[in-house]
Amino acid sequence: NAAQPAPATGSPEETDVDRKRFDGKVALVTGATSGIGRATAEGFAREGARVVVVYVNAAAAQATADALIAIGAAAIPCAADVSDPVA
């Protein structure tokens, strides 16, 4: 009648579904204000990542970061042109 050890993942009640894959991680997403980039940023945010929203237009990056924050994510905007090696 020995007690069963807790699973290696944590408490007995915790499952893989309860944990977010990217808790404690930072995701830097370029082109994050629309299309695939925006969907990627939102996906990382839903999975617990802190998201750096990178886009050439600062206002658009801020708007996307604000939208992620509104759903409870941690996000910051970053205006950058990643296609320009000098920038």
PDB file of N, CA and C in Angstrom:
ATOM      1  N   ASN A   1       0.813  -1.196   0.000  1.00  0.00           N
ATOM      2  CA  ASN A   1       0.000   0.000   0.000  1.00  0.00           C
ATOM      3  C   ASN A   1       0.854   1.257   0.000  1.00  0.00           C
ATOM      4  N   ALA A   2       1.974   1.215  -0.674  1.00  0.00           N
ATOM      5  CA  ALA A   2       2.850   2.384  -0.751  1.00  0.00           C
ATOM      6  C   ALA A   2       2.192   3.472  -1.588  1.00  0.00           C
ATOM      7  N   ALA A   3       2.432   4.715  -1.216  1.00  0.00           N
ATOM      8  CA  ALA A   3       1.878   5.848  -1.961  1.00  0.00           C
ATOM      9  C   ALA A   3       2.527   5.911  -3.339  1.00  0.00           C
ATOM     10  N   GLN A   4       1.739   6.270  -4.313  1.00  0.00           N
ATOM     11  CA  GLN A   4       2.243   6.422  -5.672  1.00  0.00           C
ATOM     12  C   GLN A   4       3.012   7.734  -5.783  1.00  0.00           C
ATOM     13  N   PRO A   5       4.197   7.743  -6.421  1.00  0.00           N
ATOM     14  CA  PRO A   5       4.935   8.998  -6.602  1.00  0.00           C
ATOM     15  C   PRO A   5       4.199   9.918  -7.573  1.00  0.00           C
ATOM     16  N   ALA A   6       4.375  11.204  -7.377  1.00  0.00           N
ATOM     17  CA  ALA A   6       3.775  12.181  -8.292  1.00  0.00           C
ATOM     18  C   ALA A   6       4.449  12.073  -9.650  1.00  0.00           C
ATOM     19  N   PRO A   7       3.707  12.336 -10.724  1.00  0.00           N
ATOM     20  CA  PRO A   7       4.333  12.307 -12.050  1.00  0.00           C
ATOM     21  C   PRO A   7       5.473  13.312 -12.144  1.00  0.00           C
ATOM     22  N   ALA A   8       6.407  13.047 -13.016  1.00  0.00           N
ATOM     23  CA  ALA A   8       7.576  13.918 -13.171  1.00  0.00           C
ATOM     24  C   ALA A   8       7.203  15.319 -13.620  1.00  0.00           C
ATOM     25  N   THR A   9       6.021  15.489 -14.210  1.00  0.00           N
ATOM     26  CA  THR A   9       5.628  16.795 -14.726  1.00  0.00           C
ATOM     27  C   THR A   9       5.110  17.735 -13.648  1.00  0.00           C
ATOM     28  N   GLY A  10       4.891  17.271 -12.448  1.00  0.00           N
ATOM     29  CA  GLY A  10       4.377  18.155 -11.386  1.00  0.00           C
ATOM     30  C   GLY A  10       3.292  17.475 -10.592  1.00  0.00           C
ATOM     31  N   SER A  11       2.277  18.226 -10.244  1.00  0.00           N
ATOM     32  CA  SER A  11       1.208  17.691  -9.402  1.00  0.00           C
ATOM     33  C   SER A  11       0.410  16.633 -10.153  1.00  0.00           C
ATOM     34  N   PRO A  12      -0.250  15.736  -9.416  1.00  0.00           N
ATOM     35  CA  PRO A  12      -1.025  14.679 -10.070  1.00  0.00           C
ATOM     36  C   PRO A  12      -2.153  15.228 -10.939  1.00  0.00           C
ATOM     37  N   GLU A  13      -2.651  16.420 -10.629  1.00  0.00           N
ATOM     38  CA  GLU A  13      -3.748  16.995 -11.397  1.00  0.00           C
ATOM     39  C   GLU A  13      -3.277  17.626 -12.705  1.00  0.00           C
ATOM     40  N   GLU A  14      -1.980  17.914 -12.815  1.00  0.00           N
ATOM     41  CA  GLU A  14      -1.457  18.622 -13.987  1.00  0.00           C
ATOM     42  C   GLU A  14      -1.362  17.670 -15.175  1.00  0.00           C
ATOM     43  N   THR A  15      -1.790  18.151 -16.325  1.00  0.00           N
ATOM     44  CA  THR A  15      -1.659  17.377 -17.562  1.00  0.00           C
ATOM     45  C   THR A  15      -0.924  18.231 -18.584  1.00  0.00           C
ATOM     46  N   ASP A  16      -0.544  17.623 -19.702  1.00  0.00           N
ATOM     47  CA  ASP A  16       0.113  18.378 -20.762  1.00  0.00           C
ATOM     48  C   ASP A  16      -0.781  19.492 -21.287  1.00  0.00           C
ATOM     49  N   VAL A  17      -2.094  19.281 -21.264  1.00  0.00           N
ATOM     50  CA  VAL A  17      -3.030  20.289 -21.745  1.00  0.00           C
ATOM     51  C   VAL A  17      -3.036  21.500 -20.817  1.00  0.00           C
ATOM     52  N   ASP A  18      -2.803  21.293 -19.516  1.00  0.00           N
ATOM     53  CA  ASP A  18      -2.821  22.381 -18.547  1.00  0.00           C
ATOM     54  C   ASP A  18      -1.607  23.293 -18.676  1.00  0.00           C
ATOM     55  N   ARG A  19      -0.516  22.778 -19.170  1.00  0.00           N
ATOM     56  CA  ARG A  19       0.711  23.566 -19.290  1.00  0.00           C
ATOM     57  C   ARG A  19       0.780  24.205 -20.658  1.00  0.00           C
ATOM     58  N   LYS A  20       1.375  25.399 -20.711  1.00  0.00           N
ATOM     59  CA  LYS A  20       1.569  26.071 -21.991  1.00  0.00           C
ATOM     60  C   LYS A  20       2.987  25.801 -22.457  1.00  0.00           C
ATOM     61  N   ARG A  21       3.131  25.472 -23.724  1.00  0.00           N
ATOM     62  CA  ARG A  21       4.423  25.037 -24.256  1.00  0.00           C
ATOM     63  C   ARG A  21       5.527  26.080 -24.163  1.00  0.00           C
ATOM     64  N   PHE A  22       5.167  27.363 -24.202  1.00  0.00           N
ATOM     65  CA  PHE A  22       6.202  28.390 -24.263  1.00  0.00           C
ATOM     66  C   PHE A  22       6.236  29.290 -23.032  1.00  0.00           C
ATOM     67  N   ASP A  23       5.704  28.812 -21.906  1.00  0.00           N
ATOM     68  CA  ASP A  23       5.817  29.574 -20.659  1.00  0.00           C
ATOM     69  C   ASP A  23       7.286  29.850 -20.378  1.00  0.00           C
ATOM     70  N   GLY A  24       7.596  31.096 -20.014  1.00  0.00           N
ATOM     71  CA  GLY A  24       8.973  31.455 -19.692  1.00  0.00           C
ATOM     72  C   GLY A  24       9.863  31.697 -20.895  1.00  0.00           C
ATOM     73  N   LYS A  25       9.310  31.641 -22.093  1.00  0.00           N
ATOM     74  CA  LYS A  25      10.089  31.850 -23.320  1.00  0.00           C
ATOM     75  C   LYS A  25       9.715  33.189 -23.950  1.00  0.00           C
ATOM     76  N   VAL A  26      10.595  33.686 -24.796  1.00  0.00           N
ATOM     77  CA  VAL A  26      10.342  34.911 -25.556  1.00  0.00           C
ATOM     78  C   VAL A  26      10.340  34.551 -27.039  1.00  0.00           C
ATOM     79  N   ALA A  27       9.309  35.011 -27.749  1.00  0.00           N
ATOM     80  CA  ALA A  27       9.226  34.796 -29.194  1.00  0.00           C
ATOM     81  C   ALA A  27       9.365  36.137 -29.898  1.00  0.00           C
ATOM     82  N   LEU A  28      10.336  36.256 -30.767  1.00  0.00           N
ATOM     83  CA  LEU A  28      10.532  37.448 -31.572  1.00  0.00           C
ATOM     84  C   LEU A  28       9.950  37.139 -32.941  1.00  0.00           C
ATOM     85  N   VAL A  29       8.855  37.827 -33.298  1.00  0.00           N
ATOM     86  CA  VAL A  29       8.146  37.516 -34.538  1.00  0.00           C
ATOM     87  C   VAL A  29       8.237  38.710 -35.487  1.00  0.00           C
ATOM     88  N   THR A  30       8.878  38.500 -36.640  1.00  0.00           N
ATOM     89  CA  THR A  30       8.966  39.569 -37.638  1.00  0.00           C
ATOM     90  C   THR A  30       7.728  39.531 -38.522  1.00  0.00           C
ATOM     91  N   GLY A  31       7.350  40.694 -39.030  1.00  0.00           N
ATOM     92  CA  GLY A  31       6.152  40.772 -39.866  1.00  0.00           C
ATOM     93  C   GLY A  31       4.903  40.421 -39.078  1.00  0.00           C
ATOM     94  N   ALA A  32       4.900  40.761 -37.797  1.00  0.00           N
ATOM     95  CA  ALA A  32       3.882  40.267 -36.862  1.00  0.00           C
ATOM     96  C   ALA A  32       2.582  41.050 -36.847  1.00  0.00           C
ATOM     97  N   THR A  33       2.403  41.983 -37.789  1.00  0.00           N
ATOM     98  CA  THR A  33       1.198  42.814 -37.721  1.00  0.00           C
ATOM     99  C   THR A  33       0.057  42.334 -38.604  1.00  0.00           C
ATOM    100  N   SER A  34       0.315  41.382 -39.492  1.00  0.00           N
ATOM    101  CA  SER A  34      -0.762  40.887 -40.355  1.00  0.00           C
ATOM    102  C   SER A  34      -0.429  39.498 -40.870  1.00  0.00           C
ATOM    103  N   GLY A  35      -1.430  38.854 -41.414  1.00  0.00           N
ATOM    104  CA  GLY A  35      -1.254  37.571 -42.075  1.00  0.00           C
ATOM    105  C   GLY A  35      -0.622  36.495 -41.219  1.00  0.00           C
ATOM    106  N   ILE A  36       0.304  35.765 -41.813  1.00  0.00           N
ATOM    107  CA  ILE A  36       0.961  34.650 -41.129  1.00  0.00           C
ATOM    108  C   ILE A  36       1.744  35.137 -39.917  1.00  0.00           C
ATOM    109  N   GLY A  37       2.396  36.294 -40.032  1.00  0.00           N
ATOM    110  CA  GLY A  37       3.148  36.837 -38.903  1.00  0.00           C
ATOM    111  C   GLY A  37       2.257  37.111 -37.702  1.00  0.00           C
ATOM    112  N   ARG A  38       1.093  37.713 -37.950  1.00  0.00           N
ATOM    113  CA  ARG A  38       0.154  38.001 -36.860  1.00  0.00           C
ATOM    114  C   ARG A  38      -0.360  36.697 -36.242  1.00  0.00           C
ATOM    115  N   ALA A  39      -0.722  35.744 -37.076  1.00  0.00           N
ATOM    116  CA  ALA A  39      -1.202  34.455 -36.573  1.00  0.00           C
ATOM    117  C   ALA A  39      -0.126  33.758 -35.744  1.00  0.00           C
ATOM    118  N   THR A  40       1.123  33.871 -36.181  1.00  0.00           N
ATOM    119  CA  THR A  40       2.237  33.283 -35.438  1.00  0.00           C
ATOM    120  C   THR A  40       2.394  33.951 -34.079  1.00  0.00           C
ATOM    121  N   ALA A  41       2.349  35.283 -34.060  1.00  0.00           N
ATOM    122  CA  ALA A  41       2.450  36.022 -32.800  1.00  0.00           C
ATOM    123  C   ALA A  41       1.321  35.641 -31.851  1.00  0.00           C
ATOM    124  N   GLU A  42       0.111  35.546 -32.363  1.00  0.00           N
ATOM    125  CA  GLU A  42      -1.037  35.166 -31.542  1.00  0.00           C
ATOM    126  C   GLU A  42      -0.891  33.744 -31.014  1.00  0.00           C
ATOM    127  N   GLY A  43      -0.387  32.848 -31.851  1.00  0.00           N
ATOM    128  CA  GLY A  43      -0.184  31.467 -31.416  1.00  0.00           C
ATOM    129  C   GLY A  43       0.833  31.362 -30.297  1.00  0.00           C
ATOM    130  N   PHE A  44       1.960  32.047 -30.444  1.00  0.00           N
ATOM    131  CA  PHE A  44       2.950  32.056 -29.373  1.00  0.00           C
ATOM    132  C   PHE A  44       2.360  32.644 -28.093  1.00  0.00           C
ATOM    133  N   ALA A  45       1.598  33.720 -28.223  1.00  0.00           N
ATOM    134  CA  ALA A  45       0.990  34.361 -27.060  1.00  0.00           C
ATOM    135  C   ALA A  45       0.029  33.403 -26.349  1.00  0.00           C
ATOM    136  N   ARG A  46      -0.796  32.700 -27.119  1.00  0.00           N
ATOM    137  CA  ARG A  46      -1.741  31.731 -26.525  1.00  0.00           C
ATOM    138  C   ARG A  46      -1.009  30.611 -25.792  1.00  0.00           C
ATOM    139  N   GLU A  47       0.192  30.287 -26.254  1.00  0.00           N
ATOM    140  CA  GLU A  47       0.967  29.213 -25.635  1.00  0.00           C
ATOM    141  C   GLU A  47       1.882  29.714 -24.518  1.00  0.00           C
ATOM    142  N   GLY A  48       1.720  30.982 -24.121  1.00  0.00           N
ATOM    143  CA  GLY A  48       2.420  31.479 -22.944  1.00  0.00           C
ATOM    144  C   GLY A  48       3.691  32.260 -23.175  1.00  0.00           C
ATOM    145  N   ALA A  49       4.128  32.393 -24.426  1.00  0.00           N
ATOM    146  CA  ALA A  49       5.365  33.135 -24.697  1.00  0.00           C
ATOM    147  C   ALA A  49       5.151  34.631 -24.509  1.00  0.00           C
ATOM    148  N   ARG A  50       6.203  35.309 -24.128  1.00  0.00           N
ATOM    149  CA  ARG A  50       6.238  36.770 -24.193  1.00  0.00           C
ATOM    150  C   ARG A  50       6.637  37.089 -25.630  1.00  0.00           C
ATOM    151  N   VAL A  51       5.881  37.978 -26.278  1.00  0.00           N
ATOM    152  CA  VAL A  51       6.055  38.195 -27.711  1.00  0.00           C
ATOM    153  C   VAL A  51       6.639  39.577 -27.998  1.00  0.00           C
ATOM    154  N   VAL A  52       7.698  39.595 -28.799  1.00  0.00           N
ATOM    155  CA  VAL A  52       8.246  40.832 -29.335  1.00  0.00           C
ATOM    156  C   VAL A  52       7.669  40.968 -30.743  1.00  0.00           C
ATOM    157  N   VAL A  53       6.844  41.994 -30.934  1.00  0.00           N
ATOM    158  CA  VAL A  53       6.160  42.230 -32.203  1.00  0.00           C
ATOM    159  C   VAL A  53       7.048  43.131 -33.054  1.00  0.00           C
ATOM    160  N   VAL A  54       7.658  42.565 -34.100  1.00  0.00           N
ATOM    161  CA  VAL A  54       8.595  43.311 -34.933  1.00  0.00           C
ATOM    162  C   VAL A  54       7.939  43.657 -36.270  1.00  0.00           C
ATOM    163  N   TYR A  55       7.980  44.949 -36.587  1.00  0.00           N
ATOM    164  CA  TYR A  55       7.460  45.407 -37.875  1.00  0.00           C
ATOM    165  C   TYR A  55       8.114  46.729 -38.220  1.00  0.00           C
ATOM    166  N   VAL A  56       8.219  47.046 -39.479  1.00  0.00           N
ATOM    167  CA  VAL A  56       8.879  48.267 -39.917  1.00  0.00           C
ATOM    168  C   VAL A  56       8.122  49.522 -39.470  1.00  0.00           C
ATOM    169  N   ASN A  57       6.802  49.431 -39.330  1.00  0.00           N
ATOM    170  CA  ASN A  57       5.978  50.564 -38.919  1.00  0.00           C
ATOM    171  C   ASN A  57       5.712  50.480 -37.420  1.00  0.00           C
ATOM    172  N   ALA A  58       6.216  51.464 -36.663  1.00  0.00           N
ATOM    173  CA  ALA A  58       6.107  51.440 -35.199  1.00  0.00           C
ATOM    174  C   ALA A  58       4.668  51.445 -34.720  1.00  0.00           C
ATOM    175  N   ALA A  59       3.802  52.225 -35.360  1.00  0.00           N
ATOM    176  CA  ALA A  59       2.401  52.302 -34.938  1.00  0.00           C
ATOM    177  C   ALA A  59       1.693  50.957 -35.122  1.00  0.00           C
ATOM    178  N   ALA A  60       1.977  50.283 -36.221  1.00  0.00           N
ATOM    179  CA  ALA A  60       1.370  48.970 -36.467  1.00  0.00           C
ATOM    180  C   ALA A  60       1.876  47.936 -35.463  1.00  0.00           C
ATOM    181  N   ALA A  61       3.174  47.984 -35.149  1.00  0.00           N
ATOM    182  CA  ALA A  61       3.735  47.071 -34.143  1.00  0.00           C
ATOM    183  C   ALA A  61       3.088  47.321 -32.788  1.00  0.00           C
ATOM    184  N   GLN A  62       2.904  48.596 -32.438  1.00  0.00           N
ATOM    185  CA  GLN A  62       2.259  48.941 -31.165  1.00  0.00           C
ATOM    186  C   GLN A  62       0.821  48.441 -31.125  1.00  0.00           C
ATOM    187  N   ALA A  63       0.083  48.609 -32.213  1.00  0.00           N
ATOM    188  CA  ALA A  63      -1.313  48.164 -32.258  1.00  0.00           C
ATOM    189  C   ALA A  63      -1.426  46.653 -32.062  1.00  0.00           C
ATOM    190  N   THR A  64      -0.534  45.908 -32.686  1.00  0.00           N
ATOM    191  CA  THR A  64      -0.563  44.448 -32.524  1.00  0.00           C
ATOM    192  C   THR A  64      -0.168  44.052 -31.107  1.00  0.00           C
ATOM    193  N   ALA A  65       0.860  44.693 -30.560  1.00  0.00           N
ATOM    194  CA  ALA A  65       1.252  44.403 -29.174  1.00  0.00           C
ATOM    195  C   ALA A  65       0.096  44.710 -28.230  1.00  0.00           C
ATOM    196  N   ASP A  66      -0.591  45.829 -28.452  1.00  0.00           N
ATOM    197  CA  ASP A  66      -1.747  46.190 -27.624  1.00  0.00           C
ATOM    198  C   ASP A  66      -2.853  45.139 -27.714  1.00  0.00           C
ATOM    199  N   ALA A  67      -3.081  44.612 -28.915  1.00  0.00           N
ATOM    200  CA  ALA A  67      -4.102  43.579 -29.092  1.00  0.00           C
ATOM    201  C   ALA A  67      -3.734  42.304 -28.334  1.00  0.00           C
ATOM    202  N   LEU A  68      -2.470  41.945 -28.346  1.00  0.00           N
ATOM    203  CA  LEU A  68      -2.026  40.759 -27.611  1.00  0.00           C
ATOM    204  C   LEU A  68      -2.153  40.983 -26.107  1.00  0.00           C
ATOM    205  N   ILE A  69      -1.793  42.170 -25.663  1.00  0.00           N
ATOM    206  CA  ILE A  69      -1.919  42.501 -24.239  1.00  0.00           C
ATOM    207  C   ILE A  69      -3.377  42.445 -23.807  1.00  0.00           C
ATOM    208  N   ALA A  70      -4.276  42.875 -24.674  1.00  0.00           N
ATOM    209  CA  ALA A  70      -5.704  42.877 -24.369  1.00  0.00           C
ATOM    210  C   ALA A  70      -6.257  41.474 -24.125  1.00  0.00           C
ATOM    211  N   ILE A  71      -5.610  40.461 -24.697  1.00  0.00           N
ATOM    212  CA  ILE A  71      -6.064  39.085 -24.463  1.00  0.00           C
ATOM    213  C   ILE A  71      -5.264  38.409 -23.347  1.00  0.00           C
ATOM    214  N   GLY A  72      -4.459  39.208 -22.637  1.00  0.00           N
ATOM    215  CA  GLY A  72      -3.744  38.680 -21.481  1.00  0.00           C
ATOM    216  C   GLY A  72      -2.317  38.255 -21.721  1.00  0.00           C
ATOM    217  N   ALA A  73      -1.802  38.511 -22.910  1.00  0.00           N
ATOM    218  CA  ALA A  73      -0.428  38.128 -23.223  1.00  0.00           C
ATOM    219  C   ALA A  73       0.541  39.225 -22.807  1.00  0.00           C
ATOM    220  N   ALA A  74       1.806  38.861 -22.721  1.00  0.00           N
ATOM    221  CA  ALA A  74       2.876  39.832 -22.514  1.00  0.00           C
ATOM    222  C   ALA A  74       3.487  40.098 -23.881  1.00  0.00           C
ATOM    223  N   ALA A  75       3.468  41.368 -24.297  1.00  0.00           N
ATOM    224  CA  ALA A  75       3.981  41.703 -25.629  1.00  0.00           C
ATOM    225  C   ALA A  75       4.565  43.106 -25.632  1.00  0.00           C
ATOM    226  N   ILE A  76       5.596  43.293 -26.466  1.00  0.00           N
ATOM    227  CA  ILE A  76       6.159  44.625 -26.668  1.00  0.00           C
ATOM    228  C   ILE A  76       6.378  44.830 -28.166  1.00  0.00           C
ATOM    229  N   PRO A  77       6.229  46.078 -28.631  1.00  0.00           N
ATOM    230  CA  PRO A  77       6.486  46.359 -30.040  1.00  0.00           C
ATOM    231  C   PRO A  77       7.964  46.663 -30.281  1.00  0.00           C
ATOM    232  N   CYS A  78       8.409  46.423 -31.492  1.00  0.00           N
ATOM    233  CA  CYS A  78       9.780  46.767 -31.877  1.00  0.00           C
ATOM    234  C   CYS A  78       9.757  47.180 -33.347  1.00  0.00           C
ATOM    235  N   ALA A  79      10.041  48.445 -33.613  1.00  0.00           N
ATOM    236  CA  ALA A  79      10.092  48.921 -34.995  1.00  0.00           C
ATOM    237  C   ALA A  79      11.471  48.611 -35.562  1.00  0.00           C
ATOM    238  N   ALA A  80      11.507  47.798 -36.603  1.00  0.00           N
ATOM    239  CA  ALA A  80      12.774  47.428 -37.232  1.00  0.00           C
ATOM    240  C   ALA A  80      12.516  46.947 -38.654  1.00  0.00           C
ATOM    241  N   ASP A  81      13.476  47.238 -39.521  1.00  0.00           N
ATOM    242  CA  ASP A  81      13.427  46.745 -40.892  1.00  0.00           C
ATOM    243  C   ASP A  81      14.453  45.619 -40.998  1.00  0.00           C
ATOM    244  N   VAL A  82      13.999  44.397 -40.847  1.00  0.00           N
ATOM    245  CA  VAL A  82      14.931  43.263 -40.841  1.00  0.00           C
ATOM    246  C   VAL A  82      15.484  42.945 -42.235  1.00  0.00           C
ATOM    247  N   SER A  83      14.929  43.584 -43.266  1.00  0.00           N
ATOM    248  CA  SER A  83      15.453  43.354 -44.611  1.00  0.00           C
ATOM    249  C   SER A  83      16.648  44.258 -44.928  1.00  0.00           C
ATOM    250  N   ASP A  84      16.920  45.223 -44.042  1.00  0.00           N
ATOM    251  CA  ASP A  84      18.028  46.170 -44.255  1.00  0.00           C
ATOM    252  C   ASP A  84      19.168  45.814 -43.303  1.00  0.00           C
ATOM    253  N   PRO A  85      20.274  45.275 -43.816  1.00  0.00           N
ATOM    254  CA  PRO A  85      21.369  44.856 -42.937  1.00  0.00           C
ATOM    255  C   PRO A  85      22.051  46.010 -42.193  1.00  0.00           C
ATOM    256  N   VAL A  86      21.858  47.236 -42.636  1.00  0.00           N
ATOM    257  CA  VAL A  86      22.469  48.387 -41.997  1.00  0.00           C
ATOM    258  C   VAL A  86      21.579  48.935 -40.873  1.00  0.00           C
ATOM    259  N   ALA A  87      20.296  48.745 -40.984  1.00  0.00           N
ATOM    260  CA  ALA A  87      19.331  49.322 -40.028  1.00  0.00           C
ATOM    261  C   ALA A  87      19.433  48.772 -38.641  1.00  0.00           C
TER     262      ALA A  87
END
